[in-house]
């Protein structure tokens, strides 16, 4: 896994990503994993969630 992270980071930098871009991507992926774990673990109904958040 560590090798994949290293190579993905290297490739992102080669494509023009800055350190800040990479840090933001890592933070967003961590947040996504966190909330996905909570919502799935609590078996939150997606349609109910959308209504409660003001979605359609």
Protein backbone atom coordinates (compact mmCIF):
# COMPACT_ATOMS: atom_id res chain seq x y z
CA UNK A 1 0.00 0.00 0.00
CA UNK A 2 2.79 2.41 0.88
CA UNK A 3 4.29 1.93 -2.58
CA UNK A 4 0.96 2.85 -4.20
CA UNK A 5 0.70 6.03 -2.15
CA UNK A 6 4.26 6.98 -3.05
CA UNK A 7 3.71 6.37 -6.77
CA UNK A 8 0.34 8.17 -6.80
CA UNK A 9 1.93 11.16 -5.08
CA UNK A 10 4.83 11.17 -7.51
CA UNK A 11 2.43 10.96 -10.48
CA UNK A 12 0.29 13.79 -9.09
CA UNK A 13 3.37 16.00 -8.74
CA UNK A 14 4.45 15.15 -12.28
CA UNK A 15 0.99 16.19 -13.45
CA UNK A 16 1.40 19.55 -11.74
CA UNK A 17 -0.18 19.03 -8.33
CA UNK A 18 1.27 21.12 -5.53
CA UNK A 19 1.92 19.91 -1.98
CA UNK A 20 -1.22 21.79 -0.96
CA UNK A 21 -3.25 20.01 -3.67
CA UNK A 22 -2.05 16.65 -2.43
CA UNK A 23 -2.75 17.50 1.20
CA UNK A 24 -6.27 18.60 0.30
CA UNK A 25 -6.88 15.38 -1.63
CA UNK A 26 -5.70 13.32 1.34
CA UNK A 27 -7.94 15.30 3.72
CA UNK A 28 -10.98 14.91 1.45
CA UNK A 29 -10.43 11.17 1.08
CA UNK A 30 -10.15 10.84 4.87
CA UNK A 31 -13.40 12.75 5.38
CA UNK A 32 -15.17 10.68 2.74
CA UNK A 33 -14.04 7.42 4.34
CA UNK A 34 -15.01 8.68 7.80
CA UNK A 35 -18.55 9.71 6.90
CA UNK A 36 -19.10 6.70 4.68
CA UNK A 37 -18.22 4.46 7.62
CA UNK A 38 -20.62 6.32 9.90
CA UNK A 39 -23.53 6.44 7.44
CA UNK A 40 -23.17 2.81 6.41
CA UNK A 41 -22.54 1.59 9.95
CA UNK A 42 -25.64 3.37 11.23
CA UNK A 43 -27.57 2.25 8.13
CA UNK A 44 -28.75 5.78 7.37
CA UNK A 45 -31.45 5.80 4.70
CA UNK A 46 -30.21 7.96 1.81
CA UNK A 47 -33.62 9.38 0.86
CA UNK A 48 -34.32 10.38 4.49
CA UNK A 49 -30.86 11.94 4.74
CA UNK A 50 -31.43 13.99 1.58
CA UNK A 51 -34.78 15.30 2.88
CA UNK A 52 -33.30 16.21 6.26
CA UNK A 53 -30.45 18.08 4.55
CA UNK A 54 -32.81 20.05 2.32
CA UNK A 55 -32.20 18.01 -0.81
CA UNK A 56 -34.85 16.82 -3.19
